[in-house]
Amino acid sequence: MTNQNDANLLSNRFRGYYPVVIDVETAGFNAQTDALLEIAAVTLKMDEQGWLQPDQTIHFHVAPFEGANLEPAALEFNGITDPFSALRGAVSEREALSEIFKMVRKGQKAAGCNRSIIVAHNATFDQSFVNAASERTKMKRVPFHPFGTFDTAALSGLALGQTVLAKACRAAGIPFDNKEAHSALYDTQRTAELFCYIVNRWKALGGWPMVPGEEAGKLANT
């Protein structure tokens, strides 16, 4: 049985997983053919009372990989009008992922977790682009689970009755500026706040630490 102090450790909260919030901006929906143009990550930590909060942030504009497809509608949607502009200060996929993975592995080790897991809004999309870029650049020691995620769209639907990021944030009392949306950095920061809100709300309502199995069974039958 996990005692109160142990329950306040990040390494025990998600079965040894180290949650990392990710958001990407892309030139389309196909992770194999369409360019990854922007990526941001926010690591998380727990304080001594077990409340989850954002920790470190990292963000990159990314240069399209050679031969990448650029869908005009996607570029109009995310406002990246010229992916090749030097003013973007873009780096290669490999450089961006290398720096993100380095930060994630360091945080994972410090937290005593076994593996990292992506947290994202409609997480399958972001995970697919991270996985595809990792394969293209032949990255080694990818810290993330290859298919497991924590999807804040699903969690928000359960906890807040909303699945759109902006509406879920507002329901949680988190300010959201639509003019800033579709920037990987902004969306990642808001998603991190949203995930922390949901996890902390569950704790505040008495859902964590878990009630021992026998007592939980009694509660279920009351």
C-alpha atoms as a PDB file:
ATOM      1  CA  MET A   1       0.000   0.000   0.000  1.00  0.00           C
ATOM      2  CA  THR A   2       1.286   3.500  -0.866  1.00  0.00           C
ATOM      3  CA  ASN A   3       1.473   5.826   2.140  1.00  0.00           C
ATOM      4  CA  GLN A   4       0.664   9.532   2.034  1.00  0.00           C
ATOM      5  CA  ASN A   5       4.267  10.679   1.630  1.00  0.00           C
ATOM      6  CA  ASP A   6       4.982   8.172  -1.134  1.00  0.00           C
ATOM      7  CA  ALA A   7       1.797   9.233  -2.929  1.00  0.00           C
ATOM      8  CA  ASN A   8       3.191  12.759  -3.152  1.00  0.00           C
ATOM      9  CA  LEU A   9       6.091  11.572  -5.307  1.00  0.00           C
ATOM     10  CA  LEU A  10       5.743  12.035  -9.071  1.00  0.00           C
ATOM     11  CA  SER A  11       7.325   8.615  -9.576  1.00  0.00           C
ATOM     12  CA  ASN A  12       4.328   6.995  -7.841  1.00  0.00           C
ATOM     13  CA  ARG A  13       1.535   9.111  -9.303  1.00  0.00           C
ATOM     14  CA  PHE A  14       1.436   7.712 -12.852  1.00  0.00           C
ATOM     15  CA  ARG A  15       2.803   4.179 -12.407  1.00  0.00           C
ATOM     16  CA  GLY A  16       6.391   5.302 -12.847  1.00  0.00           C
ATOM     17  CA  TYR A  17       5.723   7.435 -15.931  1.00  0.00           C
ATOM     18  CA  TYR A  18       7.158  10.942 -16.210  1.00  0.00           C
ATOM     19  CA  PRO A  19       4.532  13.134 -17.924  1.00  0.00           C
ATOM     20  CA  VAL A  20       5.769  15.662 -20.498  1.00  0.00           C
ATOM     21  CA  VAL A  21       3.354  18.031 -22.203  1.00  0.00           C
ATOM     22  CA  ILE A  22       3.958  18.363 -25.961  1.00  0.00           C
ATOM     23  CA  ASP A  23       2.435  20.422 -28.746  1.00  0.00           C
ATOM     24  CA  VAL A  24       3.441  20.566 -32.415  1.00  0.00           C
ATOM     25  CA  GLU A  25       2.572  22.816 -35.329  1.00  0.00           C
ATOM     26  CA  THR A  26       2.766  21.131 -38.707  1.00  0.00           C
ATOM     27  CA  ALA A  27       2.246  21.604 -42.442  1.00  0.00           C
ATOM     28  CA  GLY A  28      -0.492  18.986 -42.617  1.00  0.00           C
ATOM     29  CA  PHE A  29      -1.973  15.934 -40.933  1.00  0.00           C
ATOM     30  CA  ASN A  30       0.274  13.183 -42.286  1.00  0.00           C
ATOM     31  CA  ALA A  31       3.262  12.695 -39.988  1.00  0.00           C
ATOM     32  CA  GLN A  32       5.142  10.697 -42.619  1.00  0.00           C
ATOM     33  CA  THR A  33       4.959  13.289 -45.404  1.00  0.00           C
ATOM     34  CA  ASP A  34       4.095  16.678 -43.895  1.00  0.00           C
ATOM     35  CA  ALA A  35       6.622  18.987 -42.239  1.00  0.00           C
ATOM     36  CA  LEU A  36       7.026  19.407 -38.512  1.00  0.00           C
ATOM     37  CA  LEU A  37       7.359  23.191 -38.145  1.00  0.00           C
ATOM     38  CA  GLU A  38       7.271  23.915 -34.417  1.00  0.00           C
ATOM     39  CA  ILE A  39       7.479  21.923 -31.203  1.00  0.00           C
ATOM     40  CA  ALA A  40       7.351  22.783 -27.512  1.00  0.00           C
ATOM     41  CA  ALA A  41       7.577  20.705 -24.352  1.00  0.00           C
ATOM     42  CA  VAL A  42       6.801  21.395 -20.697  1.00  0.00           C
ATOM     43  CA  THR A  43       7.973  19.035 -17.971  1.00  0.00           C
ATOM     44  CA  LEU A  44       6.012  18.685 -14.737  1.00  0.00           C
ATOM     45  CA  LYS A  45       6.862  18.331 -11.056  1.00  0.00           C
ATOM     46  CA  MET A  46       5.115  17.725  -7.751  1.00  0.00           C
ATOM     47  CA  ASP A  47       5.549  19.814  -4.627  1.00  0.00           C
ATOM     48  CA  GLU A  48       5.865  18.298  -1.151  1.00  0.00           C
ATOM     49  CA  GLN A  49       2.081  18.155  -0.789  1.00  0.00           C
ATOM     50  CA  GLY A  50       1.678  16.260  -4.054  1.00  0.00           C
ATOM     51  CA  TRP A  51       0.269  19.089  -6.166  1.00  0.00           C
ATOM     52  CA  LEU A  52       1.260  18.879  -9.828  1.00  0.00           C
ATOM     53  CA  GLN A  53       2.694  21.972 -11.525  1.00  0.00           C
ATOM     54  CA  PRO A  54       4.628  22.979 -14.662  1.00  0.00           C
ATOM     55  CA  ASP A  55       8.407  22.835 -14.382  1.00  0.00           C
ATOM     56  CA  GLN A  56      10.714  23.468 -17.357  1.00  0.00           C
ATOM     57  CA  THR A  57       9.796  24.687 -20.840  1.00  0.00           C
ATOM     58  CA  ILE A  58      11.618  24.267 -24.152  1.00  0.00           C
ATOM     59  CA  HIS A  59      10.531  25.436 -27.597  1.00  0.00           C
ATOM     60  CA  PHE A  60      11.832  25.289 -31.172  1.00  0.00           C
ATOM     61  CA  HIS A  61      10.857  26.468 -34.613  1.00  0.00           C
ATOM     62  CA  VAL A  62      11.739  23.589 -36.934  1.00  0.00           C
ATOM     63  CA  ALA A  63      12.974  23.683 -40.531  1.00  0.00           C
ATOM     64  CA  PRO A  64      11.012  21.431 -42.932  1.00  0.00           C
ATOM     65  CA  PHE A  65      12.824  18.172 -43.607  1.00  0.00           C
ATOM     66  CA  GLU A  66      14.044  17.604 -47.168  1.00  0.00           C
ATOM     67  CA  GLY A  67      11.157  16.755 -49.462  1.00  0.00           C
ATOM     68  CA  ALA A  68       8.505  17.596 -46.860  1.00  0.00           C
ATOM     69  CA  ASN A  69       4.981  18.378 -48.028  1.00  0.00           C
ATOM     70  CA  LEU A  70       3.623  21.833 -47.128  1.00  0.00           C
ATOM     71  CA  GLU A  71      -0.156  22.104 -47.236  1.00  0.00           C
ATOM     72  CA  PRO A  72      -1.217  25.737 -47.853  1.00  0.00           C
ATOM     73  CA  ALA A  73      -4.352  25.345 -45.718  1.00  0.00           C
ATOM     74  CA  ALA A  74      -2.271  24.126 -42.757  1.00  0.00           C
ATOM     75  CA  LEU A  75       0.159  27.044 -43.089  1.00  0.00           C
ATOM     76  CA  GLU A  76      -2.724  29.500 -43.191  1.00  0.00           C
ATOM     77  CA  PHE A  77      -4.246  27.869 -40.102  1.00  0.00           C
ATOM     78  CA  ASN A  78      -1.109  28.082 -37.959  1.00  0.00           C
ATOM     79  CA  GLY A  79       0.118  31.394 -39.379  1.00  0.00           C
ATOM     80  CA  ILE A  80       3.522  30.102 -40.527  1.00  0.00           C
ATOM     81  CA  THR A  81       3.421  31.824 -43.886  1.00  0.00           C
ATOM     82  CA  ASP A  82       7.040  31.135 -44.858  1.00  0.00           C
ATOM     83  CA  PRO A  83       8.507  28.000 -43.233  1.00  0.00           C
ATOM     84  CA  PHE A  84      11.894  28.723 -44.875  1.00  0.00           C
ATOM     85  CA  SER A  85      12.261  32.275 -43.577  1.00  0.00           C
ATOM     86  CA  ALA A  86      15.533  32.883 -41.738  1.00  0.00           C
ATOM     87  CA  LEU A  87      13.608  35.116 -39.326  1.00  0.00           C
ATOM     88  CA  ARG A  88      12.031  32.005 -37.797  1.00  0.00           C
ATOM     89  CA  GLY A  89      15.380  30.920 -36.371  1.00  0.00           C
ATOM     90  CA  ALA A  90      14.430  27.346 -37.187  1.00  0.00           C
ATOM     91  CA  VAL A  91      16.614  24.364 -36.331  1.00  0.00           C
ATOM     92  CA  SER A  92      16.665  20.865 -37.773  1.00  0.00           C
ATOM     93  CA  GLU A  93      14.346  18.164 -36.495  1.00  0.00           C
ATOM     94  CA  ARG A  94      17.324  16.339 -35.040  1.00  0.00           C
ATOM     95  CA  GLU A  95      18.571  19.359 -33.089  1.00  0.00           C
ATOM     96  CA  ALA A  96      15.121  20.115 -31.700  1.00  0.00           C
ATOM     97  CA  LEU A  97      14.467  16.526 -30.636  1.00  0.00           C
ATOM     98  CA  SER A  98      17.952  16.078 -29.209  1.00  0.00           C
ATOM     99  CA  GLU A  99      17.536  19.075 -26.886  1.00  0.00           C
ATOM    100  CA  ILE A 100      14.020  18.100 -25.866  1.00  0.00           C
ATOM    101  CA  PHE A 101      14.983  14.486 -25.180  1.00  0.00           C
ATOM    102  CA  LYS A 102      18.006  15.624 -23.178  1.00  0.00           C
ATOM    103  CA  MET A 103      15.810  17.773 -20.917  1.00  0.00           C
ATOM    104  CA  VAL A 104      13.210  15.043 -20.586  1.00  0.00           C
ATOM    105  CA  ARG A 105      15.705  12.315 -19.684  1.00  0.00           C
ATOM    106  CA  LYS A 106      17.285  14.573 -17.069  1.00  0.00           C
ATOM    107  CA  GLY A 107      13.923  15.351 -15.495  1.00  0.00           C
ATOM    108  CA  GLN A 108      12.825  11.734 -15.650  1.00  0.00           C
ATOM    109  CA  LYS A 109      15.950  10.613 -13.816  1.00  0.00           C
ATOM    110  CA  ALA A 110      15.628  13.339 -11.175  1.00  0.00           C
ATOM    111  CA  ALA A 111      12.010  12.345 -10.529  1.00  0.00           C
ATOM    112  CA  GLY A 112      12.908   8.666 -10.189  1.00  0.00           C
ATOM    113  CA  CYS A 113      10.568   7.677 -13.014  1.00  0.00           C
ATOM    114  CA  ASN A 114      11.051   4.692 -15.314  1.00  0.00           C
ATOM    115  CA  ARG A 115       9.901   6.181 -18.611  1.00  0.00           C
ATOM    116  CA  SER A 116       8.369   9.349 -20.025  1.00  0.00           C
ATOM    117  CA  ILE A 117       4.929   9.683 -21.552  1.00  0.00           C
ATOM    118  CA  ILE A 118       3.483  12.363 -23.817  1.00  0.00           C
ATOM    119  CA  VAL A 119       0.652  14.533 -22.536  1.00  0.00           C
ATOM    120  CA  ALA A 120      -1.117  16.427 -25.318  1.00  0.00           C
ATOM    121  CA  HIS A 121      -4.499  17.652 -26.499  1.00  0.00           C
ATOM    122  CA  ASN A 122      -5.656  15.075 -29.056  1.00  0.00           C
ATOM    123  CA  ALA A 123      -2.408  13.336 -28.218  1.00  0.00           C
ATOM    124  CA  THR A 124      -2.303  10.806 -31.046  1.00  0.00           C
ATOM    125  CA  PHE A 125      -1.621  13.637 -33.510  1.00  0.00           C
ATOM    126  CA  ASP A 126       1.334  15.127 -31.617  1.00  0.00           C
ATOM    127  CA  GLN A 127       2.757  11.709 -30.793  1.00  0.00           C
ATOM    128  CA  SER A 128       2.639  10.648 -34.450  1.00  0.00           C
ATOM    129  CA  PHE A 129       4.793  13.627 -35.491  1.00  0.00           C
ATOM    130  CA  VAL A 130       7.276  13.102 -32.652  1.00  0.00           C
ATOM    131  CA  ASN A 131       7.572   9.423 -33.576  1.00  0.00           C
ATOM    132  CA  ALA A 132       7.928  10.110 -37.316  1.00  0.00           C
ATOM    133  CA  ALA A 133      10.599  12.785 -36.764  1.00  0.00           C
ATOM    134  CA  SER A 134      12.456  10.462 -34.380  1.00  0.00           C
ATOM    135  CA  GLU A 135      12.483   7.744 -37.045  1.00  0.00           C
ATOM    136  CA  ARG A 136      13.563  10.127 -39.835  1.00  0.00           C
ATOM    137  CA  THR A 137      16.471  11.446 -37.799  1.00  0.00           C
ATOM    138  CA  LYS A 138      17.380   8.005 -36.415  1.00  0.00           C
ATOM    139  CA  MET A 139      17.167   9.234 -32.845  1.00  0.00           C
ATOM    140  CA  LYS A 140      18.407   6.849 -30.196  1.00  0.00           C
ATOM    141  CA  ARG A 141      17.193   6.618 -26.605  1.00  0.00           C
ATOM    142  CA  VAL A 142      13.779   8.127 -27.317  1.00  0.00           C
ATOM    143  CA  PRO A 143      12.405   8.662 -23.795  1.00  0.00           C
ATOM    144  CA  PHE A 144       8.710   8.462 -24.617  1.00  0.00           C
ATOM    145  CA  HIS A 145       6.432   5.434 -24.589  1.00  0.00           C
ATOM    146  CA  PRO A 146       5.933   4.546 -28.276  1.00  0.00           C
ATOM    147  CA  PHE A 147       2.127   4.513 -28.193  1.00  0.00           C
ATOM    148  CA  GLY A 148       0.845   5.315 -24.689  1.00  0.00           C
ATOM    149  CA  THR A 149      -0.297   8.901 -24.005  1.00  0.00           C
ATOM    150  CA  PHE A 150      -2.335  11.040 -21.625  1.00  0.00           C
ATOM    151  CA  ASP A 151      -4.871  12.852 -23.808  1.00  0.00           C
ATOM    152  CA  THR A 152      -6.181  16.065 -22.249  1.00  0.00           C
ATOM    153  CA  ALA A 153      -9.070  16.181 -24.734  1.00  0.00           C
ATOM    154  CA  ALA A 154     -10.444  12.944 -23.259  1.00  0.00           C
ATOM    155  CA  LEU A 155      -9.612  13.962 -19.687  1.00  0.00           C
ATOM    156  CA  SER A 156     -11.293  17.344 -20.186  1.00  0.00           C
ATOM    157  CA  GLY A 157     -14.394  15.680 -21.557  1.00  0.00           C
ATOM    158  CA  LEU A 158     -14.624  13.634 -18.366  1.00  0.00           C
ATOM    159  CA  ALA A 159     -13.681  16.348 -15.873  1.00  0.00           C
ATOM    160  CA  LEU A 160     -15.047  19.501 -17.499  1.00  0.00           C
ATOM    161  CA  GLY A 161     -17.564  18.476 -20.148  1.00  0.00           C
ATOM    162  CA  GLN A 162     -15.420  20.134 -22.827  1.00  0.00           C
ATOM    163  CA  THR A 163     -13.031  18.684 -25.403  1.00  0.00           C
ATOM    164  CA  VAL A 164     -11.831  21.819 -27.259  1.00  0.00           C
ATOM    165  CA  LEU A 165      -8.667  23.185 -25.622  1.00  0.00           C
ATOM    166  CA  ALA A 166      -9.848  26.801 -25.393  1.00  0.00           C
ATOM    167  CA  LYS A 167     -13.238  25.840 -23.954  1.00  0.00           C
ATOM    168  CA  ALA A 168     -11.725  23.351 -21.516  1.00  0.00           C
ATOM    169  CA  CYS A 169      -9.261  25.961 -20.250  1.00  0.00           C
ATOM    170  CA  ARG A 170     -12.002  28.510 -19.739  1.00  0.00           C
ATOM    171  CA  ALA A 171     -14.135  25.935 -17.914  1.00  0.00           C
ATOM    172  CA  ALA A 172     -11.171  25.342 -15.600  1.00  0.00           C
ATOM    173  CA  GLY A 173     -10.672  29.069 -15.043  1.00  0.00           C
ATOM    174  CA  ILE A 174      -7.467  29.154 -17.106  1.00  0.00           C
ATOM    175  CA  PRO A 175      -7.221  32.278 -19.308  1.00  0.00           C
ATOM    176  CA  PHE A 176      -7.022  31.440 -23.013  1.00  0.00           C
ATOM    177  CA  ASP A 177      -6.317  33.969 -25.775  1.00  0.00           C
ATOM    178  CA  ASN A 178      -7.514  32.750 -29.165  1.00  0.00           C
ATOM    179  CA  LYS A 179      -5.108  35.172 -30.852  1.00  0.00           C
ATOM    180  CA  GLU A 180      -2.180  33.306 -29.269  1.00  0.00           C
ATOM    181  CA  ALA A 181      -3.548  29.849 -30.082  1.00  0.00           C
ATOM    182  CA  HIS A 182      -1.887  27.560 -32.628  1.00  0.00           C
ATOM    183  CA  SER A 183       1.538  28.570 -31.387  1.00  0.00           C
ATOM    184  CA  ALA A 184       3.225  25.423 -30.075  1.00  0.00           C
ATOM    185  CA  LEU A 185       4.632  27.280 -27.086  1.00  0.00           C
ATOM    186  CA  TYR A 186       1.330  28.878 -26.056  1.00  0.00           C
ATOM    187  CA  ASP A 187      -0.743  25.745 -26.576  1.00  0.00           C
ATOM    188  CA  THR A 188       1.752  23.609 -24.658  1.00  0.00           C
ATOM    189  CA  GLN A 189       1.738  25.985 -21.698  1.00  0.00           C
ATOM    190  CA  ARG A 190      -2.063  26.074 -21.562  1.00  0.00           C
ATOM    191  CA  THR A 191      -2.279  22.286 -21.975  1.00  0.00           C
ATOM    192  CA  ALA A 192       0.177  21.850 -19.103  1.00  0.00           C
ATOM    193  CA  GLU A 193      -1.948  24.091 -16.877  1.00  0.00           C
ATOM    194  CA  LEU A 194      -5.057  22.166 -17.892  1.00  0.00           C
ATOM    195  CA  PHE A 195      -3.540  18.755 -17.156  1.00  0.00           C
ATOM    196  CA  CYS A 196      -2.286  19.963 -13.771  1.00  0.00           C
ATOM    197  CA  TYR A 197      -5.731  21.384 -12.989  1.00  0.00           C
ATOM    198  CA  ILE A 198      -7.458  18.081 -13.736  1.00  0.00           C
ATOM    199  CA  VAL A 199      -4.954  15.981 -11.769  1.00  0.00           C
ATOM    200  CA  ASN A 200      -5.007  18.381  -8.819  1.00  0.00           C
ATOM    201  CA  ARG A 201      -8.808  18.657  -8.875  1.00  0.00           C
ATOM    202  CA  TRP A 202      -9.051  14.878  -8.635  1.00  0.00           C
ATOM    203  CA  LYS A 203      -6.728  14.966  -5.623  1.00  0.00           C
ATOM    204  CA  ALA A 204      -8.687  17.806  -4.001  1.00  0.00           C
ATOM    205  CA  LEU A 205     -11.897  15.806  -4.364  1.00  0.00           C
ATOM    206  CA  GLY A 206     -10.311  12.879  -2.509  1.00  0.00           C
ATOM    207  CA  GLY A 207      -9.526  10.685  -5.503  1.00  0.00           C
ATOM    208  CA  TRP A 208      -5.798  10.550  -4.704  1.00  0.00           C
ATOM    209  CA  PRO A 209      -4.097   8.926  -2.836  1.00  0.00           C
ATOM    210  CA  MET A 210      -6.125   5.834  -3.644  1.00  0.00           C
ATOM    211  CA  VAL A 211      -8.250   4.335  -0.911  1.00  0.00           C
ATOM    212  CA  PRO A 212      -6.962   0.809  -0.069  1.00  0.00           C
ATOM    213  CA  GLY A 213      -8.770  -1.857  -2.094  1.00  0.00           C
ATOM    214  CA  GLU A 214     -10.944  -3.234   0.701  1.00  0.00           C
ATOM    215  CA  GLU A 215     -12.188   0.203   1.718  1.00  0.00           C
ATOM    216  CA  ALA A 216     -12.737   1.177  -1.905  1.00  0.00           C
ATOM    217  CA  GLY A 217     -14.922  -1.885  -2.359  1.00  0.00           C
ATOM    218  CA  LYS A 218     -17.046  -0.871   0.597  1.00  0.00           C
ATOM    219  CA  LEU A 219     -17.428   2.638  -0.771  1.00  0.00           C
ATOM    220  CA  ALA A 220     -18.486   1.291  -4.166  1.00  0.00           C
ATOM    221  CA  ASN A 221     -21.289  -0.679  -2.543  1.00  0.00           C
ATOM    222  CA  THR A 222     -22.657   2.205  -0.444  1.00  0.00           C
END
